[in-house]
Structure formats: structure tokens, C-alpha cells
Amino acid sequence: MQDQSKNNKIVCEVESCIYHDKNMNCTAQQIKVGPTGADCCSETACETYKHE
């Protein structure tokens, strides 16, 4: 079984998001990354993003 330890520090550079704490950290309780059919990093996006 794969270790599924929590990552308590999500680095975020998107300063226009309400979850950005101005220290490059995400403060959202959880994040959702999509879309489902992505084949590489450049095809993914944070679906938790909300403009401040």
C-alpha cells in the first residue's frame, strides 16, 4: 500500500486566489486538481482557485 501522508504545505504562487496567504502557501482545507483527462503537468489546473 502506498504511503498517503498528508502534505501540510501546499506551495502556491497565485497571488490573486483567496486561499493564497502572501507567503506562497495555500490555506484551503483541501484542493482539487483537474481535469480528469490530463496527460501532463501543463494540462492540469487547481479547481479550488477563487479570485479574491
N, C-alpha and C. Protein backbone atom coordinates (compact mmCIF):
# COMPACT_ATOMS: atom_id res chain seq x y z
N MET A 1 0.83 -1.18 0.00
CA MET A 1 0.00 0.00 0.00
C MET A 1 0.88 1.25 0.00
N GLN A 2 0.51 2.25 -0.80
CA GLN A 2 1.26 3.49 -0.92
C GLN A 2 1.06 4.36 0.32
N ASP A 3 2.14 5.00 0.79
CA ASP A 3 2.06 5.93 1.91
C ASP A 3 1.30 7.17 1.48
N GLN A 4 0.22 7.49 2.17
CA GLN A 4 -0.59 8.64 1.82
C GLN A 4 -0.53 9.69 2.92
N SER A 5 0.68 10.02 3.38
CA SER A 5 0.87 11.03 4.40
C SER A 5 0.37 12.37 3.90
N LYS A 6 -0.16 13.17 4.81
CA LYS A 6 -0.65 14.48 4.44
C LYS A 6 0.50 15.41 4.08
N ASN A 7 0.28 16.22 3.06
CA ASN A 7 1.21 17.28 2.71
C ASN A 7 0.66 18.54 3.36
N ASN A 8 1.24 18.97 4.47
CA ASN A 8 0.72 20.11 5.21
C ASN A 8 1.15 21.44 4.64
N LYS A 9 1.92 21.45 3.58
CA LYS A 9 2.35 22.70 2.98
C LYS A 9 2.21 22.62 1.47
N ILE A 10 1.20 23.27 0.95
CA ILE A 10 0.99 23.34 -0.49
C ILE A 10 1.51 24.69 -0.95
N VAL A 11 2.54 24.68 -1.78
CA VAL A 11 3.12 25.92 -2.29
C VAL A 11 2.23 26.45 -3.41
N CYS A 12 1.90 27.73 -3.33
CA CYS A 12 1.05 28.36 -4.33
C CYS A 12 1.62 29.72 -4.70
N GLU A 13 1.75 29.99 -5.98
CA GLU A 13 2.28 31.26 -6.46
C GLU A 13 1.17 32.18 -6.99
N VAL A 14 -0.09 31.77 -6.91
CA VAL A 14 -1.20 32.52 -7.48
C VAL A 14 -1.71 33.53 -6.47
N GLU A 15 -1.16 34.74 -6.51
CA GLU A 15 -1.48 35.76 -5.52
C GLU A 15 -2.91 36.27 -5.60
N SER A 16 -3.61 36.04 -6.70
CA SER A 16 -4.98 36.53 -6.84
C SER A 16 -6.03 35.59 -6.25
N CYS A 17 -5.60 34.46 -5.68
CA CYS A 17 -6.53 33.49 -5.09
C CYS A 17 -6.79 33.82 -3.62
N ILE A 18 -8.04 33.64 -3.17
CA ILE A 18 -8.38 33.94 -1.78
C ILE A 18 -7.66 33.02 -0.80
N TYR A 19 -7.19 31.87 -1.26
CA TYR A 19 -6.51 30.92 -0.38
C TYR A 19 -5.00 31.16 -0.29
N HIS A 20 -4.48 32.11 -1.05
CA HIS A 20 -3.05 32.45 -1.02
C HIS A 20 -2.77 33.28 0.21
N ASP A 21 -1.79 32.89 1.04
CA ASP A 21 -1.54 33.59 2.31
C ASP A 21 -0.43 34.64 2.22
N LYS A 22 -0.03 35.05 1.05
CA LYS A 22 1.01 36.05 0.80
C LYS A 22 2.41 35.55 1.16
N ASN A 23 2.52 34.29 1.57
CA ASN A 23 3.81 33.66 1.81
C ASN A 23 3.99 32.43 0.93
N MET A 24 3.26 32.42 -0.20
CA MET A 24 3.30 31.32 -1.18
C MET A 24 2.76 30.01 -0.63
N ASN A 25 1.81 30.07 0.31
CA ASN A 25 1.17 28.86 0.84
C ASN A 25 -0.32 28.90 0.53
N CYS A 26 -0.89 27.72 0.31
CA CYS A 26 -2.33 27.57 0.11
C CYS A 26 -2.97 27.28 1.46
N THR A 27 -4.02 28.02 1.80
CA THR A 27 -4.70 27.84 3.08
C THR A 27 -6.03 27.11 2.96
N ALA A 28 -6.36 26.61 1.77
CA ALA A 28 -7.62 25.87 1.59
C ALA A 28 -7.58 24.57 2.40
N GLN A 29 -8.74 24.16 2.93
CA GLN A 29 -8.85 22.92 3.69
C GLN A 29 -8.48 21.71 2.83
N GLN A 30 -8.84 21.77 1.56
CA GLN A 30 -8.48 20.72 0.61
C GLN A 30 -8.38 21.38 -0.76
N ILE A 31 -7.69 20.72 -1.67
CA ILE A 31 -7.58 21.25 -3.03
C ILE A 31 -8.05 20.18 -4.01
N LYS A 32 -8.53 20.66 -5.14
CA LYS A 32 -8.95 19.76 -6.22
C LYS A 32 -8.17 20.17 -7.46
N VAL A 33 -7.51 19.20 -8.06
CA VAL A 33 -6.73 19.44 -9.27
C VAL A 33 -7.34 18.62 -10.39
N GLY A 34 -7.51 19.22 -11.54
CA GLY A 34 -8.12 18.54 -12.67
C GLY A 34 -7.54 19.11 -13.95
N PRO A 35 -8.06 18.75 -15.07
CA PRO A 35 -9.20 17.87 -15.32
C PRO A 35 -8.80 16.40 -15.30
N THR A 36 -9.80 15.55 -15.31
CA THR A 36 -9.60 14.11 -15.22
C THR A 36 -8.70 13.57 -16.34
N GLY A 37 -8.85 14.08 -17.55
CA GLY A 37 -8.13 13.53 -18.69
C GLY A 37 -6.74 14.09 -18.93
N ALA A 38 -6.16 14.77 -17.97
CA ALA A 38 -4.83 15.36 -18.17
C ALA A 38 -3.78 14.28 -18.37
N ASP A 39 -2.85 14.54 -19.30
CA ASP A 39 -1.76 13.61 -19.57
C ASP A 39 -0.40 14.14 -19.12
N CYS A 40 -0.34 15.43 -18.80
CA CYS A 40 0.92 16.02 -18.35
C CYS A 40 0.64 17.22 -17.45
N CYS A 41 1.66 17.66 -16.78
CA CYS A 41 1.57 18.77 -15.82
C CYS A 41 0.93 20.02 -16.41
N SER A 42 1.29 20.37 -17.62
CA SER A 42 0.79 21.61 -18.22
C SER A 42 -0.71 21.56 -18.53
N GLU A 43 -1.30 20.38 -18.48
CA GLU A 43 -2.73 20.24 -18.74
C GLU A 43 -3.57 20.25 -17.45
N THR A 44 -2.93 20.42 -16.31
CA THR A 44 -3.65 20.42 -15.05
C THR A 44 -3.89 21.83 -14.54
N ALA A 45 -4.86 21.97 -13.64
CA ALA A 45 -5.19 23.27 -13.05
C ALA A 45 -5.81 23.06 -11.68
N CYS A 46 -5.63 24.02 -10.79
CA CYS A 46 -6.24 23.97 -9.47
C CYS A 46 -7.70 24.39 -9.61
N GLU A 47 -8.60 23.47 -9.35
CA GLU A 47 -10.03 23.77 -9.46
C GLU A 47 -10.57 24.40 -8.18
N THR A 48 -9.74 24.55 -7.16
CA THR A 48 -10.12 25.17 -5.90
C THR A 48 -9.98 26.69 -5.98
N TYR A 49 -9.25 27.17 -6.96
CA TYR A 49 -8.96 28.60 -7.12
C TYR A 49 -10.23 29.44 -7.06
N LYS A 50 -10.18 30.50 -6.25
CA LYS A 50 -11.24 31.52 -6.21
C LYS A 50 -10.57 32.87 -6.18
N HIS A 51 -10.97 33.74 -7.10
CA HIS A 51 -10.39 35.08 -7.19
C HIS A 51 -10.78 35.88 -5.96
N GLU A 52 -9.80 36.62 -5.39
CA GLU A 52 -10.13 37.42 -4.20
C GLU A 52 -10.87 38.67 -4.53
